[in-house]
Amino acid sequence: MNFKYWYGTRYPIYINLLWQRHGENILDSLGKIVKNVGGDPLNSINWVRDNINVTFLEGNLKNILYIEIGTSFEIVRGFNLGLAILNKNTNGISQFGGRVNFSFEDF
């Protein structure tokens, strides 16, 4: 979900919200696939090992919540500065970050 508000018709303030669920392949301690549930597009199906009937979100479930809040403003005519803070929470483990970008002309 994206929300953008123009403060004073010149300065955008935005919020991006993403909620995602993903079923990863089941791996053993050596990193070899025990069960392929389609969680990785680089590992195709092995007709000997894998069943083609897979339940939706089977495997190691990852719940991801991503929130980003940011704004941009014009420092001098045509030169813009953008600032954003973000949080990515994967199965209860949070990662915080930020972003600064400079642009010339439009936001």
Protein backbone atom coordinates (compact mmCIF):
# COMPACT_ATOMS: atom_id res chain seq x y z
CA MET A 1 0.00 0.00 0.00
CA ASN A 2 1.38 3.40 -0.93
CA PHE A 3 0.20 6.73 0.41
CA LYS A 4 1.56 10.08 -0.78
CA TYR A 5 0.57 13.51 0.52
CA TRP A 6 1.79 16.79 -0.93
CA TYR A 7 2.39 19.23 1.91
CA GLY A 8 1.85 22.77 0.65
CA THR A 9 1.59 21.35 -2.92
CA ARG A 10 5.40 21.28 -3.13
CA TYR A 11 6.77 18.74 -0.67
CA PRO A 12 5.80 15.05 -0.91
CA ILE A 13 5.48 12.96 2.23
CA TYR A 14 4.99 9.25 1.58
CA ILE A 15 4.40 5.99 3.41
CA ASN A 16 4.96 2.58 1.84
CA LEU A 17 3.63 -0.51 3.61
CA LEU A 18 4.26 -4.08 2.45
CA TRP A 19 3.09 -7.30 4.08
CA GLN A 20 4.30 -10.52 2.48
CA ARG A 21 4.21 -14.22 3.29
CA HIS A 22 6.60 -16.65 1.63
CA GLY A 23 7.06 -20.41 1.92
CA GLU A 24 10.76 -21.27 1.54
CA ASN A 25 12.09 -24.65 0.48
CA ILE A 26 12.94 -27.04 3.32
CA LEU A 27 16.71 -27.56 3.58
CA ASP A 28 18.89 -29.95 5.58
CA SER A 29 21.92 -28.90 7.66
CA LEU A 30 24.16 -28.98 4.55
CA GLY A 31 21.89 -26.68 2.57
CA LYS A 32 20.52 -29.37 0.27
CA ILE A 33 16.84 -29.34 -0.58
CA VAL A 34 14.80 -31.86 1.40
CA LYS A 35 11.48 -30.71 -0.03
CA ASN A 36 10.94 -28.32 -2.90
CA VAL A 37 7.79 -26.28 -2.37
CA GLY A 38 8.48 -23.77 -5.13
CA GLY A 39 10.04 -21.20 -2.82
CA ASP A 40 13.05 -20.56 -5.05
CA PRO A 41 12.72 -19.97 -8.80
CA LEU A 42 16.35 -21.05 -9.32
CA ASN A 43 15.61 -24.60 -8.13
CA SER A 44 13.33 -26.38 -10.54
CA ILE A 45 11.35 -29.46 -9.64
CA ASN A 46 13.15 -32.77 -9.22
CA TRP A 47 10.72 -35.40 -10.45
CA VAL A 48 12.28 -38.16 -8.29
CA ARG A 49 12.34 -36.23 -4.99
CA ASP A 50 9.52 -33.69 -5.27
CA ASN A 51 5.78 -34.05 -5.30
CA ILE A 52 4.03 -31.77 -7.80
CA ASN A 53 1.09 -31.29 -5.39
CA VAL A 54 2.16 -28.61 -2.93
CA THR A 55 -0.02 -26.85 -0.38
CA PHE A 56 0.00 -23.05 -0.55
CA LEU A 57 2.70 -21.57 1.76
CA GLU A 58 4.06 -24.99 2.64
CA GLY A 59 7.66 -25.08 3.83
CA ASN A 60 9.47 -22.65 6.12
CA LEU A 61 7.06 -19.74 6.40
CA LYS A 62 8.49 -16.21 6.34
CA ASN A 63 6.27 -13.29 7.38
CA ILE A 64 7.65 -9.94 6.22
CA LEU A 65 6.40 -6.49 7.22
CA TYR A 66 8.12 -3.54 5.54
CA ILE A 67 7.40 0.10 6.41
CA GLU A 68 9.03 3.11 4.81
CA ILE A 69 8.34 6.77 5.60
CA GLY A 70 9.99 9.54 3.64
CA THR A 71 9.88 13.04 2.29
CA SER A 72 11.61 15.21 -0.29
CA PHE A 73 12.24 18.91 -0.45
CA GLU A 74 13.93 21.41 -2.71
CA ILE A 75 17.21 22.81 -1.35
CA VAL A 76 17.77 25.27 -4.19
CA ARG A 77 15.81 25.61 -7.41
CA GLY A 78 15.89 22.26 -9.23
CA PHE A 79 18.06 20.46 -6.64
CA ASN A 80 16.14 18.11 -4.32
CA LEU A 81 17.00 16.15 -1.21
CA GLY A 82 15.06 13.04 -0.23
CA LEU A 83 15.12 11.37 3.19
CA ALA A 84 13.55 8.07 4.23
CA ILE A 85 13.56 5.75 7.22
CA LEU A 86 12.53 2.14 6.93
CA ASN A 87 11.94 -0.97 8.97
CA LYS A 88 11.84 -4.56 7.70
CA ASN A 89 10.53 -7.12 10.15
CA THR A 90 11.06 -10.77 9.14
CA ASN A 91 9.56 -13.33 11.55
CA GLY A 92 10.00 -10.92 14.48
CA ILE A 93 13.54 -9.81 13.63
CA SER A 94 13.67 -6.08 12.82
CA GLN A 95 16.16 -4.36 10.56
CA PHE A 96 16.20 -0.56 10.54
CA GLY A 97 17.69 1.55 7.80
CA GLY A 98 17.60 4.87 6.08
CA ARG A 99 18.09 6.40 2.69
CA VAL A 100 19.28 9.78 1.46
CA ASN A 101 19.05 10.68 -2.20
CA PHE A 102 19.89 13.77 -4.21
CA SER A 103 18.14 14.54 -7.46
CA PHE A 104 18.09 17.32 -9.98
CA GLU A 105 14.79 18.60 -11.40
CA ASP A 106 11.60 16.74 -10.39
CA PHE A 107 10.93 14.71 -7.28
